[in-house]
Amino acid sequence: MSLLLSEETSIFDQLSTFGHQQVVYCSDPDTGLKAIIAVHDTTLGPAFGGTRMWLYKNEAEALRDVLRLSRSMTYKASITGLNLGGGKAVIIGDSRVEKSEASMRRFGKFIKNMNGSFITAEDVGTSSKDMEYIRMETKHVTGVPKSLGGSGDPSPVTAKGVFMGIKAAVKEMFGNDSLAGRTVAVQGTGNVGENLVGLLRKENVKVYISDIDEDRLANVAKKHGAEAVSNNRIYDLEVDIYSPCALGATINSETIEKLKCGIIAGSANNQLADEAIHGKLLLDKGIIYTPDYLINAGGLINSYSEIAGFNRERTMQLAENIYDATRTVIKKSKIENIPTHLAANRIAEKRIADMKRIKATY
């Protein structure tokens, strides 16, 4: 999900636009920590969202990112049927050189002070080791190592959800969900992207991959029998499915013009540069777009399972439910002739509204 706001938009106007309940600024000069925690909606449960560490160009950019991402988490939890609200945290800085045990533990204290209204996990720029440091200060964190009773790396579950979303879209477009002989272009071979490549190759899919890390690209291509292509070629390939698994906003006016695929289904967040414009362009072009926050919900499911005490088998079963949820969204899109992201939004919003009405009767 994405909403565009200018740098001049005031903080309070941004909160009003997105409908947030709380934004917490975290600053600690001793460790160099600069972070923002956003709680969007807690109707369904405590706000949950990963902690992203990124070298934003300024605080305004960081705020816009955390507001967008936290709102997406609300919708993701709702449409996936989980009893969680939406939140997100961003730490401003270069994760390669500015991260330390002290700063992570100080961040954990900020989370502790929120008294359970926000639960976090790893995200871009953070790791399970960082979650271990946060865990030293607060219990409101998931994704810690298995040795500490956590669920460990969530990327296999996230990849499973994306895989099920791809199969659901293929079923709608071709009449059956067999992937044998299909072609997929996976952009980004990080942990989720590589796991997805592995699942696709097991189904005899022809997979093209791209990544800004050339060494990783070569290794993943060799390991899984995929074909490596340069980043600037990925949009020109004639494939059945384009799967963006890196950063967001890769679906925009320029790339939509180039795309030669029938389906877009990937794990990246905020794939549509502008929902209103690019969701409609995809609908008009006849491309099935599986909303990112729906099919990349495996990571959230993994964390929810850790909170609820589910085993790995149950976690994977919940991820497989993304297949039916995706088909429901695509069908609603077709019946109402609206973009799939809007269909997904309406389903998520209805569940939240229904729960608000029920709570009002307590």
Protein backbone atom coordinates (compact mmCIF):
# COMPACT_ATOMS: atom_id res chain seq x y z
CA MET A 1 0.00 0.00 0.00
CA SER A 2 1.25 3.50 -0.69
CA LEU A 3 0.07 7.03 -0.23
CA LEU A 4 2.08 9.96 -1.52
CA LEU A 5 2.65 12.91 0.79
CA SER A 6 4.94 15.86 0.23
CA GLU A 7 7.76 16.76 2.59
CA GLU A 8 5.85 19.93 3.48
CA THR A 9 2.85 18.02 4.85
CA SER A 10 2.71 18.51 8.62
CA ILE A 11 3.10 15.58 10.99
CA PHE A 12 -0.46 15.95 12.28
CA ASP A 13 -1.87 16.12 8.75
CA GLN A 14 0.01 12.92 7.93
CA LEU A 15 -1.41 11.18 10.99
CA SER A 16 -4.89 12.29 9.98
CA THR A 17 -4.41 11.07 6.42
CA PHE A 18 -3.26 7.63 7.49
CA GLY A 19 -5.50 7.34 10.55
CA HIS A 20 -2.76 6.53 13.05
CA GLN A 21 -3.29 6.20 16.78
CA GLN A 22 0.24 6.91 18.00
CA VAL A 23 3.73 7.86 16.82
CA VAL A 24 6.70 7.59 19.18
CA TYR A 25 10.04 9.30 18.49
CA CYS A 26 13.02 7.56 20.08
CA SER A 27 16.29 9.43 20.59
CA ASP A 28 19.32 8.40 22.62
CA PRO A 29 22.50 10.49 22.13
CA ASP A 30 24.64 8.02 24.10
CA THR A 31 24.10 5.22 21.57
CA GLY A 32 23.27 7.37 18.53
CA LEU A 33 19.80 5.85 18.30
CA LYS A 34 17.25 7.74 16.21
CA ALA A 35 14.03 5.82 15.62
CA ILE A 36 10.31 6.23 15.00
CA ILE A 37 7.60 3.78 16.08
CA ALA A 38 4.16 4.10 14.48
CA VAL A 39 1.01 2.42 15.81
CA HIS A 40 -1.70 2.54 13.17
CA ASP A 41 -4.68 0.56 14.50
CA THR A 42 -5.19 -1.81 17.45
CA THR A 43 -8.81 -2.85 16.88
CA LEU A 44 -7.89 -6.47 16.21
CA GLY A 45 -5.05 -6.69 18.74
CA PRO A 46 -1.68 -5.17 19.68
CA ALA A 47 0.14 -3.40 16.85
CA PHE A 48 2.71 -5.64 15.22
CA GLY A 49 5.43 -4.68 12.77
CA GLY A 50 9.09 -5.20 12.00
CA THR A 51 11.92 -2.80 12.76
CA ARG A 52 13.61 -1.50 9.61
CA MET A 53 17.02 0.18 9.70
CA TRP A 54 17.67 2.39 6.70
CA LEU A 55 19.82 5.39 5.83
CA TYR A 56 16.96 7.80 5.10
CA LYS A 57 17.91 11.14 3.60
CA ASN A 58 16.02 12.96 6.38
CA GLU A 59 13.53 12.48 9.20
CA ALA A 60 10.57 13.42 6.99
CA GLU A 61 11.32 10.55 4.63
CA ALA A 62 11.62 8.16 7.58
CA LEU A 63 8.27 9.31 8.96
CA ARG A 64 6.50 8.83 5.63
CA ASP A 65 7.95 5.32 5.34
CA VAL A 66 6.96 4.21 8.84
CA LEU A 67 3.42 5.59 8.41
CA ARG A 68 2.90 3.77 5.12
CA LEU A 69 4.39 0.52 6.34
CA SER A 70 2.46 0.48 9.64
CA ARG A 71 -0.82 1.08 7.82
CA SER A 72 -0.01 -1.82 5.52
CA MET A 73 0.51 -4.04 8.57
CA THR A 74 -3.01 -3.27 9.80
CA TYR A 75 -4.47 -4.41 6.50
CA LYS A 76 -2.14 -7.41 6.30
CA ALA A 77 -3.17 -8.72 9.72
CA SER A 78 -6.83 -8.11 9.01
CA ILE A 79 -7.08 -9.79 5.63
CA THR A 80 -5.00 -12.73 6.87
CA GLY A 81 -7.44 -13.28 9.73
CA LEU A 82 -4.95 -12.65 12.54
CA ASN A 83 -5.77 -11.01 15.86
CA LEU A 84 -3.16 -8.28 15.50
CA GLY A 85 -3.13 -4.59 14.70
CA GLY A 86 -0.68 -2.70 12.53
CA GLY A 87 2.53 -1.01 13.53
CA LYS A 88 6.08 -0.45 12.29
CA ALA A 89 9.40 0.94 13.47
CA VAL A 90 12.25 2.52 11.56
CA ILE A 91 15.75 3.24 12.80
CA ILE A 92 17.57 5.98 10.91
CA GLY A 93 21.10 4.93 10.04
CA ASP A 94 23.39 2.66 8.05
CA SER A 95 22.87 -0.85 9.43
CA ARG A 96 26.30 -1.94 8.21
CA VAL A 97 28.24 0.47 10.42
CA GLU A 98 25.90 2.25 12.87
CA LYS A 99 24.23 -0.70 14.58
CA SER A 100 25.36 -1.94 18.00
CA GLU A 101 24.19 -4.03 20.92
CA ALA A 102 23.82 -0.87 22.98
CA SER A 103 21.57 0.89 20.45
CA MET A 104 19.40 -2.19 19.96
CA ARG A 105 18.98 -2.67 23.68
CA ARG A 106 18.15 1.01 24.14
CA PHE A 107 15.54 0.64 21.40
CA GLY A 108 14.17 -2.37 23.30
CA LYS A 109 13.62 -0.13 26.33
CA PHE A 110 11.54 2.26 24.23
CA ILE A 111 9.37 -0.68 23.14
CA LYS A 112 9.07 -1.86 26.74
CA ASN A 113 7.76 1.57 27.75
CA MET A 114 4.87 1.14 25.30
CA ASN A 115 3.45 -1.56 27.61
CA GLY A 116 2.59 -4.14 24.98
CA SER A 117 0.84 -1.86 22.50
CA PHE A 118 3.62 -2.58 19.98
CA ILE A 119 5.40 -5.86 19.20
CA THR A 120 8.30 -5.96 16.78
CA ALA A 121 10.37 -8.36 14.66
CA GLU A 122 13.22 -8.18 12.18
CA ASP A 123 12.97 -6.32 8.88
CA VAL A 124 15.28 -4.79 6.29
CA GLY A 125 18.56 -3.91 8.00
CA THR A 126 17.92 -5.90 11.19
CA SER A 127 18.44 -9.55 12.07
CA SER A 128 17.44 -12.24 14.56
CA LYS A 129 20.56 -11.30 16.54
CA ASP A 130 19.24 -7.74 16.84
CA MET A 131 15.93 -9.15 18.06
CA GLU A 132 17.90 -11.08 20.66
CA TYR A 133 19.36 -7.82 21.95
CA ILE A 134 15.89 -6.23 22.05
CA ARG A 135 14.60 -9.30 23.88
CA MET A 136 17.09 -8.58 26.67
CA GLU A 137 15.02 -5.47 27.47
CA THR A 138 11.46 -6.44 26.56
CA LYS A 139 9.35 -9.51 25.87
CA HIS A 140 7.46 -7.69 23.11
CA VAL A 141 9.59 -8.98 20.25
CA THR A 142 9.49 -12.03 17.99
CA GLY A 143 11.87 -13.64 15.53
CA VAL A 144 14.50 -14.38 18.14
CA PRO A 145 16.73 -17.45 17.57
CA LYS A 146 15.21 -20.88 18.09
CA SER A 147 17.71 -21.47 20.87
CA LEU A 148 15.85 -18.80 22.87
CA GLY A 149 12.44 -20.28 22.14
CA GLY A 150 11.71 -18.16 19.09
CA SER A 151 10.65 -19.17 15.60
CA GLY A 152 13.89 -18.12 13.91
CA ASP A 153 14.14 -17.04 10.29
CA PRO A 154 10.66 -16.14 8.91
CA SER A 155 11.73 -16.05 5.25
CA PRO A 156 10.69 -19.66 4.41
CA VAL A 157 7.15 -18.93 5.61
CA THR A 158 7.05 -15.62 3.72
CA ALA A 159 8.23 -17.36 0.55
CA LYS A 160 5.59 -20.05 1.03
CA GLY A 161 2.85 -17.40 1.17
CA VAL A 162 4.11 -15.71 -2.00
CA PHE A 163 4.27 -19.10 -3.69
CA MET A 164 0.64 -19.80 -2.74
CA GLY A 165 -0.36 -16.35 -4.03
CA ILE A 166 1.32 -17.11 -7.35
CA LYS A 167 -0.52 -20.42 -7.63
CA ALA A 168 -3.85 -18.72 -6.87
CA ALA A 169 -3.28 -16.10 -9.57
CA VAL A 170 -2.23 -18.76 -12.06
CA LYS A 171 -5.45 -20.65 -11.27
CA GLU A 172 -7.53 -17.55 -12.04
CA MET A 173 -5.68 -16.76 -15.26
CA PHE A 174 -5.14 -20.22 -16.75
CA GLY A 175 -7.85 -22.38 -15.16
CA ASN A 176 -5.49 -24.58 -13.14
CA ASP A 177 -2.73 -23.84 -10.67
CA SER A 178 -0.02 -26.05 -12.12
CA LEU A 179 3.25 -24.11 -12.40
CA ALA A 180 5.10 -26.64 -14.52
CA GLY A 181 6.47 -24.95 -17.63
CA ARG A 182 5.57 -21.43 -16.44
CA THR A 183 8.10 -18.60 -16.50
CA VAL A 184 8.78 -16.30 -13.55
CA ALA A 185 11.09 -13.30 -13.19
CA VAL A 186 12.15 -12.87 -9.55
CA GLN A 187 13.63 -9.47 -8.76
CA GLY A 188 15.71 -9.70 -5.59
CA THR A 189 17.41 -12.83 -4.27
CA GLY A 190 17.54 -12.08 -0.55
CA ASN A 191 16.35 -14.66 1.95
CA VAL A 192 12.71 -14.56 0.79
CA GLY A 193 13.59 -14.31 -2.90
CA GLU A 194 15.95 -17.26 -2.77
CA ASN A 195 13.46 -19.42 -0.86
CA LEU A 196 10.84 -18.55 -3.47
CA VAL A 197 13.22 -19.46 -6.30
CA GLY A 198 13.75 -22.84 -4.64
CA LEU A 199 10.00 -23.51 -4.39
CA LEU A 200 9.45 -22.50 -8.02
CA ARG A 201 12.29 -24.63 -9.36
CA LYS A 202 10.87 -27.67 -7.54
CA GLU A 203 7.71 -27.13 -9.63
CA ASN A 204 9.74 -27.13 -12.87
CA VAL A 205 9.36 -23.38 -13.41
CA LYS A 206 11.75 -21.48 -15.66
CA VAL A 207 13.09 -18.79 -13.33
CA TYR A 208 14.94 -15.59 -14.24
CA ILE A 209 16.55 -13.69 -11.36
CA SER A 210 18.13 -10.28 -10.84
CA ASP A 211 19.82 -8.60 -7.89
CA ILE A 212 22.06 -5.61 -7.24
CA ASP A 213 24.45 -7.96 -5.39
CA GLU A 214 26.18 -9.69 -8.30
CA ASP A 215 27.94 -12.29 -6.15
CA ARG A 216 24.72 -13.36 -4.47
CA LEU A 217 22.95 -13.38 -7.84
CA ALA A 218 25.55 -15.75 -9.29
CA ASN A 219 25.42 -18.04 -6.26
CA VAL A 220 21.61 -18.31 -6.25
CA ALA A 221 21.55 -18.91 -10.01
CA LYS A 222 24.06 -21.75 -9.70
CA LYS A 223 22.45 -23.28 -6.61
CA HIS A 224 18.90 -23.41 -8.00
CA GLY A 225 19.44 -23.61 -11.74
CA ALA A 226 17.96 -20.17 -12.42
CA GLU A 227 19.03 -17.76 -15.16
CA ALA A 228 20.64 -14.53 -13.97
CA VAL A 229 19.81 -11.30 -15.82
CA SER A 230 20.74 -7.69 -15.20
CA ASN A 231 18.38 -5.42 -13.26
CA ASN A 232 17.64 -3.24 -16.28
CA ARG A 233 16.51 -6.29 -18.28
CA ILE A 234 14.06 -7.73 -15.76
CA TYR A 235 11.14 -5.58 -16.95
CA ASP A 236 11.64 -6.46 -20.61
CA LEU A 237 11.39 -10.24 -20.23
CA GLU A 238 8.37 -12.06 -21.67
CA VAL A 239 7.24 -14.12 -18.68
CA ASP A 240 4.05 -15.37 -17.09
CA ILE A 241 4.81 -13.81 -13.70
CA TYR A 242 6.88 -10.86 -12.51
CA SER A 243 7.80 -11.31 -8.83
CA PRO A 244 9.25 -8.20 -7.15
CA CYS A 245 11.06 -9.34 -4.00
CA ALA A 246 13.35 -6.38 -3.32
CA LEU A 247 12.38 -2.80 -2.43
CA GLY A 248 9.02 -1.19 -3.24
CA ALA A 249 7.66 1.16 -5.92
CA THR A 250 8.96 -0.97 -8.80
CA ILE A 251 5.48 -0.95 -10.34
CA ASN A 252 5.17 2.52 -11.80
CA SER A 253 4.19 4.24 -15.02
CA GLU A 254 7.54 3.51 -16.66
CA THR A 255 7.77 -0.17 -15.74
CA ILE A 256 4.11 -0.97 -16.42
CA GLU A 257 4.68 0.20 -19.98
CA LYS A 258 7.53 -2.30 -20.31
CA LEU A 259 6.07 -5.31 -18.50
CA LYS A 260 5.22 -8.35 -20.64
CA CYS A 261 3.59 -10.57 -18.02
CA GLY A 262 0.09 -11.63 -17.00
CA ILE A 263 0.63 -11.71 -13.24
CA ILE A 264 2.53 -9.66 -10.66
CA ALA A 265 3.13 -11.51 -7.39
CA GLY A 266 6.07 -10.84 -5.08
CA SER A 267 7.16 -10.25 -1.51
CA ALA A 268 8.29 -6.59 -1.69
CA ASN A 269 6.31 -4.05 0.32
CA ASN A 270 4.57 -1.06 -1.29
CA GLN A 271 5.07 -2.35 -4.84
CA LEU A 272 2.68 0.16 -6.42
CA ALA A 273 4.37 3.56 -6.62
CA ASP A 274 0.90 5.14 -6.51
CA GLU A 275 -2.06 2.90 -5.67
CA ALA A 276 -4.74 5.00 -7.37
CA ILE A 277 -2.82 5.43 -10.63
CA HIS A 278 -0.93 2.18 -11.03
CA GLY A 279 -3.55 -0.19 -9.66
CA LYS A 280 -5.93 1.11 -12.33
CA LEU A 281 -3.26 0.86 -15.05
CA LEU A 282 -2.72 -2.80 -14.23
CA LEU A 283 -6.47 -3.47 -14.27
CA ASP A 284 -6.81 -1.80 -17.66
CA LYS A 285 -3.84 -3.74 -19.02
CA GLY A 286 -5.34 -7.05 -17.84
CA ILE A 287 -2.46 -7.86 -15.48
CA ILE A 288 -3.47 -9.68 -12.28
CA TYR A 289 -1.77 -7.95 -9.37
CA THR A 290 -1.77 -9.96 -6.14
CA PRO A 291 -1.65 -7.32 -3.37
CA ASP A 292 1.76 -7.38 -1.74
CA TYR A 293 0.55 -7.10 1.84
CA LEU A 294 -1.65 -10.16 1.33
CA ILE A 295 0.76 -12.62 -0.21
CA ASN A 296 3.84 -11.51 1.76
CA ALA A 297 2.02 -12.05 5.05
CA GLY A 298 3.99 -15.23 5.79
CA GLY A 299 6.45 -13.31 7.94
CA LEU A 300 3.60 -11.91 9.99
CA ILE A 301 2.05 -15.37 10.24
CA ASN A 302 5.38 -16.74 11.45
CA SER A 303 5.59 -14.10 14.18
CA TYR A 304 1.93 -14.55 15.15
CA SER A 305 2.57 -18.30 15.49
CA GLU A 306 5.46 -17.54 17.83
CA ILE A 307 3.19 -15.38 19.98
CA ALA A 308 0.36 -17.96 19.93
CA GLY A 309 2.67 -20.94 20.49
CA PHE A 310 1.89 -22.71 17.20
CA ASN A 311 4.27 -25.33 15.82
CA ARG A 312 5.93 -25.17 12.38
CA GLU A 313 3.30 -27.37 10.75
CA ARG A 314 0.46 -25.11 11.90
CA THR A 315 2.42 -22.06 10.75
CA MET A 316 2.79 -23.47 7.24
CA GLN A 317 -0.93 -24.34 7.19
CA LEU A 318 -1.77 -20.72 7.95
CA ALA A 319 0.54 -19.60 5.13
CA GLU A 320 -1.25 -21.94 2.73
CA ASN A 321 -4.51 -20.10 3.51
CA ILE A 322 -3.10 -17.22 1.45
CA TYR A 323 -4.13 -19.23 -1.63
CA ASP A 324 -7.87 -18.96 -0.86
CA ALA A 325 -7.57 -15.37 0.35
CA THR A 326 -5.88 -14.36 -2.90
CA ARG A 327 -8.54 -16.03 -5.02
CA THR A 328 -11.25 -14.21 -3.03
CA VAL A 329 -9.56 -10.86 -3.70
CA ILE A 330 -9.15 -11.53 -7.42
CA LYS A 331 -12.79 -12.60 -7.76
CA LYS A 332 -14.01 -9.50 -5.93
CA SER A 333 -11.84 -7.39 -8.23
CA LYS A 334 -13.42 -8.98 -11.30
CA ILE A 335 -17.01 -8.80 -10.04
CA GLU A 336 -16.76 -5.15 -9.00
CA ASN A 337 -14.32 -4.16 -11.77
CA ILE A 338 -11.94 -2.57 -9.30
CA PRO A 339 -8.16 -2.96 -8.86
CA THR A 340 -7.15 -5.92 -6.70
CA HIS A 341 -5.47 -3.73 -4.08
CA LEU A 342 -8.77 -1.89 -3.59
CA ALA A 343 -10.66 -5.19 -3.34
CA ALA A 344 -8.20 -6.37 -0.67
CA ASN A 345 -8.48 -3.08 1.19
CA ARG A 346 -12.27 -3.33 1.35
CA ILE A 347 -12.13 -6.89 2.70
CA ALA A 348 -9.60 -5.86 5.37
CA GLU A 349 -11.53 -2.72 6.29
CA LYS A 350 -14.79 -4.65 6.65
CA ARG A 351 -13.27 -7.03 9.19
CA ILE A 352 -11.91 -4.12 11.23
CA ALA A 353 -15.24 -2.26 11.06
CA ASP A 354 -17.14 -5.39 12.10
CA MET A 355 -14.87 -5.87 15.11
CA LYS A 356 -15.27 -2.22 16.12
CA ARG A 357 -19.05 -2.68 16.14
CA ILE A 358 -18.75 -5.83 18.25
CA LYS A 359 -16.46 -4.10 20.75
CA ALA A 360 -18.88 -1.19 20.98
CA THR A 361 -21.49 -3.57 22.40
CA TYR A 362 -19.24 -4.85 25.21
